[in-house]
Amino acid sequence: MAFKLTPDATFPFTAVIPNGTAPLPIKLKGRRKSREDLAAFMGSARERSDTELLADAVAGWEDVDADFSTEALGQLLTNYAGASLAIFTAYIKAHSEAERKN
């Protein structure tokens, strides 16, 4: 596979959501950001709600009982207390790994 100067717009990643007795993995599709956009995204983390922030990072999900939307994402974050941090951390880690793969 050849190196891509323009990487794919999205990349897959998995976040593990804390759930008391057993963690729940969730397969997500992340939005790739340029270096500058990623810095701005990180800088805006304290100024935005968790739902707003993660809706800017996540483009979709798999094997969830609802279609992906900002409202559905908000419901996930409301119903699972540790979901915001788990998704944010997994996104940042996967984004940097996706960059290395290209």
PDB file of N, CA and C in Angstrom:
ATOM      1  N   MET A   1       0.846  -1.181   0.000  1.00  0.00           N
ATOM      2  CA  MET A   1       0.000   0.000   0.000  1.00  0.00           C
ATOM      3  C   MET A   1       0.887   1.239   0.000  1.00  0.00           C
ATOM      4  N   ALA A   2       0.579   2.159  -0.855  1.00  0.00           N
ATOM      5  CA  ALA A   2       1.365   3.387  -0.978  1.00  0.00           C
ATOM      6  C   ALA A   2       0.992   4.386   0.113  1.00  0.00           C
ATOM      7  N   PHE A   3       1.955   5.187   0.478  1.00  0.00           N
ATOM      8  CA  PHE A   3       1.730   6.274   1.440  1.00  0.00           C
ATOM      9  C   PHE A   3       0.777   7.284   0.818  1.00  0.00           C
ATOM     10  N   LYS A   4      -0.193   7.758   1.595  1.00  0.00           N
ATOM     11  CA  LYS A   4      -1.178   8.718   1.112  1.00  0.00           C
ATOM     12  C   LYS A   4      -0.840  10.114   1.621  1.00  0.00           C
ATOM     13  N   LEU A   5      -0.665  11.050   0.708  1.00  0.00           N
ATOM     14  CA  LEU A   5      -0.465  12.434   1.130  1.00  0.00           C
ATOM     15  C   LEU A   5      -1.744  13.018   1.728  1.00  0.00           C
ATOM     16  N   THR A   6      -2.865  12.570   1.231  1.00  0.00           N
ATOM     17  CA  THR A   6      -4.152  12.984   1.790  1.00  0.00           C
ATOM     18  C   THR A   6      -4.806  11.745   2.396  1.00  0.00           C
ATOM     19  N   PRO A   7      -4.801  11.640   3.718  1.00  0.00           N
ATOM     20  CA  PRO A   7      -5.344  10.446   4.359  1.00  0.00           C
ATOM     21  C   PRO A   7      -6.872  10.383   4.242  1.00  0.00           C
ATOM     22  N   ASP A   8      -7.418   9.221   4.526  1.00  0.00           N
ATOM     23  CA  ASP A   8      -8.863   9.037   4.531  1.00  0.00           C
ATOM     24  C   ASP A   8      -9.503  10.015   5.516  1.00  0.00           C
ATOM     25  N   ALA A   9     -10.718  10.434   5.235  1.00  0.00           N
ATOM     26  CA  ALA A   9     -11.423  11.418   6.067  1.00  0.00           C
ATOM     27  C   ALA A   9     -11.845  10.848   7.420  1.00  0.00           C
ATOM     28  N   THR A  10     -12.012   9.526   7.502  1.00  0.00           N
ATOM     29  CA  THR A  10     -12.403   8.896   8.766  1.00  0.00           C
ATOM     30  C   THR A  10     -11.513   7.687   9.034  1.00  0.00           C
ATOM     31  N   PHE A  11     -11.559   7.231  10.268  1.00  0.00           N
ATOM     32  CA  PHE A  11     -10.806   6.042  10.672  1.00  0.00           C
ATOM     33  C   PHE A  11     -11.588   5.316  11.761  1.00  0.00           C
ATOM     34  N   PRO A  12     -11.457   3.987  11.815  1.00  0.00           N
ATOM     35  CA  PRO A  12     -12.167   3.231  12.852  1.00  0.00           C
ATOM     36  C   PRO A  12     -11.395   3.250  14.168  1.00  0.00           C
ATOM     37  N   PHE A  13     -12.133   3.246  15.260  1.00  0.00           N
ATOM     38  CA  PHE A  13     -11.509   3.072  16.570  1.00  0.00           C
ATOM     39  C   PHE A  13     -12.533   2.491  17.524  1.00  0.00           C
ATOM     40  N   THR A  14     -12.054   1.939  18.613  1.00  0.00           N
ATOM     41  CA  THR A  14     -12.916   1.344  19.622  1.00  0.00           C
ATOM     42  C   THR A  14     -12.659   2.023  20.950  1.00  0.00           C
ATOM     43  N   ALA A  15     -13.734   2.388  21.620  1.00  0.00           N
ATOM     44  CA  ALA A  15     -13.642   2.921  22.984  1.00  0.00           C
ATOM     45  C   ALA A  15     -14.252   1.870  23.903  1.00  0.00           C
ATOM     46  N   VAL A  16     -13.730   1.777  25.108  1.00  0.00           N
ATOM     47  CA  VAL A  16     -14.261   0.837  26.089  1.00  0.00           C
ATOM     48  C   VAL A  16     -14.958   1.660  27.169  1.00  0.00           C
ATOM     49  N   ILE A  17     -16.279   1.518  27.226  1.00  0.00           N
ATOM     50  CA  ILE A  17     -17.113   2.301  28.132  1.00  0.00           C
ATOM     51  C   ILE A  17     -17.231   1.581  29.471  1.00  0.00           C
ATOM     52  N   PRO A  18     -16.884   2.241  30.578  1.00  0.00           N
ATOM     53  CA  PRO A  18     -17.071   1.619  31.888  1.00  0.00           C
ATOM     54  C   PRO A  18     -18.559   1.358  32.140  1.00  0.00           C
ATOM     55  N   ASN A  19     -18.845   0.198  32.738  1.00  0.00           N
ATOM     56  CA  ASN A  19     -20.251  -0.159  32.979  1.00  0.00           C
ATOM     57  C   ASN A  19     -20.385  -1.009  34.228  1.00  0.00           C
ATOM     58  N   GLY A  20     -19.806  -0.591  35.303  1.00  0.00           N
ATOM     59  CA  GLY A  20     -19.938  -1.335  36.560  1.00  0.00           C
ATOM     60  C   GLY A  20     -19.273  -2.686  36.517  1.00  0.00           C
ATOM     61  N   THR A  21     -20.019  -3.714  36.165  1.00  0.00           N
ATOM     62  CA  THR A  21     -19.489  -5.075  36.223  1.00  0.00           C
ATOM     63  C   THR A  21     -18.612  -5.452  35.036  1.00  0.00           C
ATOM     64  N   ALA A  22     -18.968  -4.991  33.839  1.00  0.00           N
ATOM     65  CA  ALA A  22     -18.196  -5.367  32.655  1.00  0.00           C
ATOM     66  C   ALA A  22     -18.106  -4.188  31.699  1.00  0.00           C
ATOM     67  N   PRO A  23     -16.894  -3.830  31.282  1.00  0.00           N
ATOM     68  CA  PRO A  23     -16.749  -2.735  30.320  1.00  0.00           C
ATOM     69  C   PRO A  23     -17.399  -3.092  28.982  1.00  0.00           C
ATOM     70  N   LEU A  24     -17.904  -2.063  28.307  1.00  0.00           N
ATOM     71  CA  LEU A  24     -18.586  -2.272  27.030  1.00  0.00           C
ATOM     72  C   LEU A  24     -17.790  -1.626  25.903  1.00  0.00           C
ATOM     73  N   PRO A  25     -17.265  -2.433  24.980  1.00  0.00           N
ATOM     74  CA  PRO A  25     -16.578  -1.839  23.829  1.00  0.00           C
ATOM     75  C   PRO A  25     -17.601  -1.298  22.827  1.00  0.00           C
ATOM     76  N   ILE A  26     -17.260  -0.175  22.210  1.00  0.00           N
ATOM     77  CA  ILE A  26     -18.114   0.400  21.177  1.00  0.00           C
ATOM     78  C   ILE A  26     -17.234   0.773  19.994  1.00  0.00           C
ATOM     79  N   LYS A  27     -17.638   0.316  18.806  1.00  0.00           N
ATOM     80  CA  LYS A  27     -16.881   0.603  17.581  1.00  0.00           C
ATOM     81  C   LYS A  27     -17.355   1.937  17.012  1.00  0.00           C
ATOM     82  N   LEU A  28     -16.411   2.835  16.804  1.00  0.00           N
ATOM     83  CA  LEU A  28     -16.720   4.184  16.341  1.00  0.00           C
ATOM     84  C   LEU A  28     -15.954   4.517  15.070  1.00  0.00           C
ATOM     85  N   LYS A  29     -16.418   5.536  14.388  1.00  0.00           N
ATOM     86  CA  LYS A  29     -15.723   6.066  13.221  1.00  0.00           C
ATOM     87  C   LYS A  29     -15.326   7.500  13.573  1.00  0.00           C
ATOM     88  N   GLY A  30     -14.013   7.761  13.575  1.00  0.00           N
ATOM     89  CA  GLY A  30     -13.515   9.081  13.946  1.00  0.00           C
ATOM     90  C   GLY A  30     -13.272   9.962  12.733  1.00  0.00           C
ATOM     91  N   ARG A  31     -13.465  11.256  12.931  1.00  0.00           N
ATOM     92  CA  ARG A  31     -13.169  12.232  11.875  1.00  0.00           C
ATOM     93  C   ARG A  31     -11.686  12.609  11.975  1.00  0.00           C
ATOM     94  N   ARG A  32     -10.977  12.442  10.894  1.00  0.00           N
ATOM     95  CA  ARG A  32      -9.561  12.816  10.881  1.00  0.00           C
ATOM     96  C   ARG A  32      -9.456  14.339  10.839  1.00  0.00           C
ATOM     97  N   LYS A  33      -8.507  14.858  11.583  1.00  0.00           N
ATOM     98  CA  LYS A  33      -8.277  16.302  11.640  1.00  0.00           C
ATOM     99  C   LYS A  33      -6.838  16.614  11.256  1.00  0.00           C
ATOM    100  N   SER A  34      -6.648  17.767  10.647  1.00  0.00           N
ATOM    101  CA  SER A  34      -5.287  18.216  10.349  1.00  0.00           C
ATOM    102  C   SER A  34      -4.606  18.554  11.669  1.00  0.00           C
ATOM    103  N   ARG A  35      -3.346  18.760  11.634  1.00  0.00           N
ATOM    104  CA  ARG A  35      -2.580  19.119  12.827  1.00  0.00           C
ATOM    105  C   ARG A  35      -3.169  20.358  13.504  1.00  0.00           C
ATOM    106  N   GLU A  36      -3.482  21.378  12.695  1.00  0.00           N
ATOM    107  CA  GLU A  36      -4.024  22.627  13.232  1.00  0.00           C
ATOM    108  C   GLU A  36      -5.428  22.413  13.791  1.00  0.00           C
ATOM    109  N   ASP A  37      -6.246  21.656  13.067  1.00  0.00           N
ATOM    110  CA  ASP A  37      -7.611  21.390  13.526  1.00  0.00           C
ATOM    111  C   ASP A  37      -7.624  20.561  14.805  1.00  0.00           C
ATOM    112  N   LEU A  38      -6.706  19.619  14.922  1.00  0.00           N
ATOM    113  CA  LEU A  38      -6.621  18.811  16.128  1.00  0.00           C
ATOM    114  C   LEU A  38      -6.218  19.671  17.319  1.00  0.00           C
ATOM    115  N   ALA A  39      -5.270  20.585  17.115  1.00  0.00           N
ATOM    116  CA  ALA A  39      -4.868  21.501  18.194  1.00  0.00           C
ATOM    117  C   ALA A  39      -6.038  22.380  18.626  1.00  0.00           C
ATOM    118  N   ALA A  40      -6.797  22.888  17.662  1.00  0.00           N
ATOM    119  CA  ALA A  40      -7.970  23.715  17.983  1.00  0.00           C
ATOM    120  C   ALA A  40      -9.032  22.885  18.706  1.00  0.00           C
ATOM    121  N   PHE A  41      -9.224  21.656  18.264  1.00  0.00           N
ATOM    122  CA  PHE A  41     -10.170  20.738  18.898  1.00  0.00           C
ATOM    123  C   PHE A  41      -9.789  20.523  20.357  1.00  0.00           C
ATOM    124  N   MET A  42      -8.532  20.225  20.594  1.00  0.00           N
ATOM    125  CA  MET A  42      -8.055  20.001  21.959  1.00  0.00           C
ATOM    126  C   MET A  42      -8.207  21.271  22.805  1.00  0.00           C
ATOM    127  N   GLY A  43      -7.918  22.412  22.198  1.00  0.00           N
ATOM    128  CA  GLY A  43      -8.019  23.673  22.918  1.00  0.00           C
ATOM    129  C   GLY A  43      -9.442  24.060  23.264  1.00  0.00           C
ATOM    130  N   SER A  44     -10.404  23.539  22.521  1.00  0.00           N
ATOM    131  CA  SER A  44     -11.803  23.895  22.761  1.00  0.00           C
ATOM    132  C   SER A  44     -12.492  22.952  23.745  1.00  0.00           C
ATOM    133  N   ALA A  45     -11.790  21.957  24.240  1.00  0.00           N
ATOM    134  CA  ALA A  45     -12.407  20.915  25.063  1.00  0.00           C
ATOM    135  C   ALA A  45     -13.099  21.467  26.303  1.00  0.00           C
ATOM    136  N   ARG A  46     -12.549  22.473  26.913  1.00  0.00           N
ATOM    137  CA  ARG A  46     -13.151  23.011  28.148  1.00  0.00           C
ATOM    138  C   ARG A  46     -14.272  23.997  27.879  1.00  0.00           C
ATOM    139  N   GLU A  47     -14.376  24.471  26.664  1.00  0.00           N
ATOM    140  CA  GLU A  47     -15.366  25.491  26.318  1.00  0.00           C
ATOM    141  C   GLU A  47     -16.655  24.892  25.762  1.00  0.00           C
ATOM    142  N   ARG A  48     -16.669  23.602  25.479  1.00  0.00           N
ATOM    143  CA  ARG A  48     -17.805  22.962  24.828  1.00  0.00           C
ATOM    144  C   ARG A  48     -18.363  21.839  25.693  1.00  0.00           C
ATOM    145  N   SER A  49     -19.620  21.521  25.488  1.00  0.00           N
ATOM    146  CA  SER A  49     -20.182  20.369  26.191  1.00  0.00           C
ATOM    147  C   SER A  49     -19.530  19.101  25.640  1.00  0.00           C
ATOM    148  N   ASP A  50     -19.599  18.040  26.413  1.00  0.00           N
ATOM    149  CA  ASP A  50     -19.038  16.767  25.962  1.00  0.00           C
ATOM    150  C   ASP A  50     -19.687  16.321  24.654  1.00  0.00           C
ATOM    151  N   THR A  51     -20.994  16.505  24.548  1.00  0.00           N
ATOM    152  CA  THR A  51     -21.699  16.095  23.338  1.00  0.00           C
ATOM    153  C   THR A  51     -21.227  16.903  22.137  1.00  0.00           C
ATOM    154  N   GLU A  52     -21.104  18.215  22.286  1.00  0.00           N
ATOM    155  CA  GLU A  52     -20.624  19.063  21.182  1.00  0.00           C
ATOM    156  C   GLU A  52     -19.219  18.668  20.759  1.00  0.00           C
ATOM    157  N   LEU A  53     -18.365  18.477  21.744  1.00  0.00           N
ATOM    158  CA  LEU A  53     -16.969  18.139  21.460  1.00  0.00           C
ATOM    159  C   LEU A  53     -16.869  16.809  20.720  1.00  0.00           C
ATOM    160  N   LEU A  54     -17.526  15.794  21.248  1.00  0.00           N
ATOM    161  CA  LEU A  54     -17.407  14.463  20.640  1.00  0.00           C
ATOM    162  C   LEU A  54     -18.151  14.350  19.318  1.00  0.00           C
ATOM    163  N   ALA A  55     -19.210  15.123  19.120  1.00  0.00           N
ATOM    164  CA  ALA A  55     -19.889  15.123  17.825  1.00  0.00           C
ATOM    165  C   ALA A  55     -18.975  15.687  16.743  1.00  0.00           C
ATOM    166  N   ASP A  56     -18.011  16.499  17.139  1.00  0.00           N
ATOM    167  CA  ASP A  56     -17.025  17.037  16.209  1.00  0.00           C
ATOM    168  C   ASP A  56     -15.943  16.003  15.881  1.00  0.00           C
ATOM    169  N   ALA A  57     -15.805  14.983  16.722  1.00  0.00           N
ATOM    170  CA  ALA A  57     -14.766  13.974  16.545  1.00  0.00           C
ATOM    171  C   ALA A  57     -15.295  12.661  15.980  1.00  0.00           C
ATOM    172  N   VAL A  58     -16.524  12.322  16.302  1.00  0.00           N
ATOM    173  CA  VAL A  58     -17.090  11.024  15.931  1.00  0.00           C
ATOM    174  C   VAL A  58     -18.056  11.199  14.762  1.00  0.00           C
ATOM    175  N   ALA A  59     -17.892  10.358  13.747  1.00  0.00           N
ATOM    176  CA  ALA A  59     -18.726  10.433  12.551  1.00  0.00           C
ATOM    177  C   ALA A  59     -19.756   9.314  12.479  1.00  0.00           C
ATOM    178  N   GLY A  60     -19.630   8.313  13.349  1.00  0.00           N
ATOM    179  CA  GLY A  60     -20.578   7.205  13.305  1.00  0.00           C
ATOM    180  C   GLY A  60     -20.172   6.102  14.259  1.00  0.00           C
ATOM    181  N   TRP A  61     -21.020   5.060  14.303  1.00  0.00           N
ATOM    182  CA  TRP A  61     -20.728   3.894  15.133  1.00  0.00           C
ATOM    183  C   TRP A  61     -21.315   2.653  14.494  1.00  0.00           C
ATOM    184  N   GLU A  62     -20.895   1.495  15.028  1.00  0.00           N
ATOM    185  CA  GLU A  62     -21.369   0.204  14.534  1.00  0.00           C
ATOM    186  C   GLU A  62     -21.968  -0.573  15.686  1.00  0.00           C
ATOM    187  N   ASP A  63     -22.919  -1.446  15.361  1.00  0.00           N
ATOM    188  CA  ASP A  63     -23.508  -2.376  16.334  1.00  0.00           C
ATOM    189  C   ASP A  63     -24.091  -1.675  17.555  1.00  0.00           C
ATOM    190  N   VAL A  64     -24.762  -0.565  17.328  1.00  0.00           N
ATOM    191  CA  VAL A  64     -25.474   0.159  18.384  1.00  0.00           C
ATOM    192  C   VAL A  64     -26.950   0.115  18.002  1.00  0.00           C
ATOM    193  N   ASP A  65     -27.833   0.059  18.986  1.00  0.00           N
ATOM    194  CA  ASP A  65     -29.262  -0.110  18.704  1.00  0.00           C
ATOM    195  C   ASP A  65     -29.962   1.174  18.251  1.00  0.00           C
ATOM    196  N   ALA A  66     -29.195   2.172  17.852  1.00  0.00           N
ATOM    197  CA  ALA A  66     -29.759   3.415  17.312  1.00  0.00           C
ATOM    198  C   ALA A  66     -28.807   3.953  16.250  1.00  0.00           C
ATOM    199  N   ASP A  67     -29.363   4.636  15.260  1.00  0.00           N
ATOM    200  CA  ASP A  67     -28.527   5.289  14.267  1.00  0.00           C
ATOM    201  C   ASP A  67     -27.720   6.389  14.941  1.00  0.00           C
ATOM    202  N   PHE A  68     -26.538   6.663  14.411  1.00  0.00           N
ATOM    203  CA  PHE A  68     -25.702   7.710  14.982  1.00  0.00           C
ATOM    204  C   PHE A  68     -26.301   9.081  14.681  1.00  0.00           C
ATOM    205  N   SER A  69     -26.356   9.913  15.698  1.00  0.00           N
ATOM    206  CA  SER A  69     -26.751  11.311  15.585  1.00  0.00           C
ATOM    207  C   SER A  69     -26.198  12.024  16.814  1.00  0.00           C
ATOM    208  N   THR A  70     -26.200  13.340  16.775  1.00  0.00           N
ATOM    209  CA  THR A  70     -25.741  14.097  17.941  1.00  0.00           C
ATOM    210  C   THR A  70     -26.629  13.784  19.146  1.00  0.00           C
ATOM    211  N   GLU A  71     -27.929  13.656  18.918  1.00  0.00           N
ATOM    212  CA  GLU A  71     -28.854  13.353  20.007  1.00  0.00           C
ATOM    213  C   GLU A  71     -28.584  11.974  20.597  1.00  0.00           C
ATOM    214  N   ALA A  72     -28.349  10.980  19.743  1.00  0.00           N
ATOM    215  CA  ALA A  72     -28.061   9.626  20.219  1.00  0.00           C
ATOM    216  C   ALA A  72     -26.730   9.590  20.966  1.00  0.00           C
ATOM    217  N   LEU A  73     -25.747  10.335  20.469  1.00  0.00           N
ATOM    218  CA  LEU A  73     -24.465  10.432  21.161  1.00  0.00           C
ATOM    219  C   LEU A  73     -24.671  11.042  22.547  1.00  0.00           C
ATOM    220  N   GLY A  74     -25.464  12.090  22.627  1.00  0.00           N
ATOM    221  CA  GLY A  74     -25.773  12.710  23.914  1.00  0.00           C
ATOM    222  C   GLY A  74     -26.436  11.740  24.875  1.00  0.00           C
ATOM    223  N   GLN A  75     -27.322  10.902  24.344  1.00  0.00           N
ATOM    224  CA  GLN A  75     -27.990   9.897  25.179  1.00  0.00           C
ATOM    225  C   GLN A  75     -26.975   8.899  25.718  1.00  0.00           C
ATOM    226  N   LEU A  76     -26.054   8.461  24.874  1.00  0.00           N
ATOM    227  CA  LEU A  76     -24.987   7.556  25.317  1.00  0.00           C
ATOM    228  C   LEU A  76     -24.184   8.192  26.445  1.00  0.00           C
ATOM    229  N   LEU A  77     -23.787   9.449  26.264  1.00  0.00           N
ATOM    230  CA  LEU A  77     -22.965  10.130  27.265  1.00  0.00           C
ATOM    231  C   LEU A  77     -23.729  10.340  28.568  1.00  0.00           C
ATOM    232  N   THR A  78     -25.033  10.543  28.476  1.00  0.00           N
ATOM    233  CA  THR A  78     -25.862  10.708  29.671  1.00  0.00           C
ATOM    234  C   THR A  78     -26.036   9.390  30.417  1.00  0.00           C
ATOM    235  N   ASN A  79     -26.235   8.320  29.684  1.00  0.00           N
ATOM    236  CA  ASN A  79     -26.540   7.025  30.305  1.00  0.00           C
ATOM    237  C   ASN A  79     -25.330   6.275  30.833  1.00  0.00           C
ATOM    238  N   TYR A  80     -24.135   6.608  30.353  1.00  0.00           N
ATOM    239  CA  TYR A  80     -22.911   5.934  30.792  1.00  0.00           C
ATOM    240  C   TYR A  80     -21.927   6.994  31.270  1.00  0.00           C
ATOM    241  N   ALA A  81     -21.792   7.103  32.571  1.00  0.00           N
ATOM    242  CA  ALA A  81     -21.032   8.192  33.188  1.00  0.00           C
ATOM    243  C   ALA A  81     -19.596   8.322  32.678  1.00  0.00           C
ATOM    244  N   GLY A  82     -18.918   7.247  32.407  1.00  0.00           N
ATOM    245  CA  GLY A  82     -17.527   7.313  31.973  1.00  0.00           C
ATOM    246  C   GLY A  82     -17.327   7.365  30.475  1.00  0.00           C
ATOM    247  N   ALA A  83     -18.415   7.455  29.725  1.00  0.00           N
ATOM    248  CA  ALA A  83     -18.327   7.362  28.265  1.00  0.00           C
ATOM    249  C   ALA A  83     -17.564   8.524  27.646  1.00  0.00           C
ATOM    250  N   SER A  84     -17.781   9.732  28.126  1.00  0.00           N
ATOM    251  CA  SER A  84     -17.124  10.908  27.525  1.00  0.00           C
ATOM    252  C   SER A  84     -15.610  10.769  27.541  1.00  0.00           C
ATOM    253  N   LEU A  85     -15.071  10.497  28.704  1.00  0.00           N
ATOM    254  CA  LEU A  85     -13.616  10.375  28.830  1.00  0.00           C
ATOM    255  C   LEU A  85     -13.101   9.181  28.036  1.00  0.00           C
ATOM    256  N   ALA A  86     -13.822   8.070  28.070  1.00  0.00           N
ATOM    257  CA  ALA A  86     -13.389   6.871  27.346  1.00  0.00           C
ATOM    258  C   ALA A  86     -13.327   7.135  25.848  1.00  0.00           C
ATOM    259  N   ILE A  87     -14.354   7.778  25.301  1.00  0.00           N
ATOM    260  CA  ILE A  87     -14.384   8.046  23.861  1.00  0.00           C
ATOM    261  C   ILE A  87     -13.338   9.081  23.489  1.00  0.00           C
ATOM    262  N   PHE A  88     -13.231  10.151  24.269  1.00  0.00           N
ATOM    263  CA  PHE A  88     -12.253  11.202  23.984  1.00  0.00           C
ATOM    264  C   PHE A  88     -10.837  10.630  23.980  1.00  0.00           C
ATOM    265  N   THR A  89     -10.503   9.866  24.998  1.00  0.00           N
ATOM    266  CA  THR A  89      -9.161   9.284  25.112  1.00  0.00           C
ATOM    267  C   THR A  89      -8.876   8.310  23.972  1.00  0.00           C
ATOM    268  N   ALA A  90      -9.846   7.447  23.665  1.00  0.00           N
ATOM    269  CA  ALA A  90      -9.660   6.485  22.578  1.00  0.00           C
ATOM    270  C   ALA A  90      -9.524   7.199  21.235  1.00  0.00           C
ATOM    271  N   TYR A  91     -10.283   8.278  21.035  1.00  0.00           N
ATOM    272  CA  TYR A  91     -10.206   9.045  19.789  1.00  0.00           C
ATOM    273  C   TYR A  91      -8.813   9.650  19.614  1.00  0.00           C
ATOM    274  N   ILE A  92      -8.307  10.309  20.633  1.00  0.00           N
ATOM    275  CA  ILE A  92      -6.986  10.947  20.538  1.00  0.00           C
ATOM    276  C   ILE A  92      -5.910   9.899  20.275  1.00  0.00           C
ATOM    277  N   LYS A  93      -5.971   8.792  20.993  1.00  0.00           N
ATOM    278  CA  LYS A  93      -4.980   7.726  20.800  1.00  0.00           C
ATOM    279  C   LYS A  93      -5.072   7.154  19.385  1.00  0.00           C
ATOM    280  N   ALA A  94      -6.283   6.852  18.939  1.00  0.00           N
ATOM    281  CA  ALA A  94      -6.466   6.268  17.602  1.00  0.00           C
ATOM    282  C   ALA A  94      -6.091   7.257  16.513  1.00  0.00           C
ATOM    283  N   HIS A  95      -6.359   8.539  16.721  1.00  0.00           N
ATOM    284  CA  HIS A  95      -6.033   9.558  15.734  1.00  0.00           C
ATOM    285  C   HIS A  95      -4.516   9.592  15.521  1.00  0.00           C
ATOM    286  N   SER A  96      -3.764   9.558  16.610  1.00  0.00           N
ATOM    287  CA  SER A  96      -2.303   9.588  16.466  1.00  0.00           C
ATOM    288  C   SER A  96      -1.789   8.293  15.847  1.00  0.00           C
ATOM    289  N   GLU A  97      -2.419   7.160  16.160  1.00  0.00           N
ATOM    290  CA  GLU A  97      -2.014   5.897  15.547  1.00  0.00           C
ATOM    291  C   GLU A  97      -2.390   5.870  14.075  1.00  0.00           C
ATOM    292  N   ALA A  98      -3.542   6.430  13.731  1.00  0.00           N
ATOM    293  CA  ALA A  98      -3.968   6.482  12.326  1.00  0.00           C
ATOM    294  C   ALA A  98      -2.985   7.339  11.529  1.00  0.00           C
ATOM    295  N   GLU A  99      -2.503   8.416  12.134  1.00  0.00           N
ATOM    296  CA  GLU A  99      -1.524   9.282  11.461  1.00  0.00           C
ATOM    297  C   GLU A  99      -0.243   8.499  11.171  1.00  0.00           C
ATOM    298  N   ARG A 100       0.207   7.692  12.117  1.00  0.00           N
ATOM    299  CA  ARG A 100       1.439   6.924  11.938  1.00  0.00           C
ATOM    300  C   ARG A 100       1.288   5.881  10.845  1.00  0.00           C
ATOM    301  N   LYS A 101       0.081   5.359  10.666  1.00  0.00           N
ATOM    302  CA  LYS A 101      -0.144   4.315   9.656  1.00  0.00           C
ATOM    303  C   LYS A 101      -0.128   4.877   8.244  1.00  0.00           C
ATOM    304  N   ASN A 102      -0.390   6.177   8.085  1.00  0.00           N
ATOM    305  CA  ASN A 102      -0.387   6.778   6.755  1.00  0.00           C
ATOM    306  C   ASN A 102       0.939   7.266   6.419  1.00  0.00           C
TER     307      ASN A 102
END
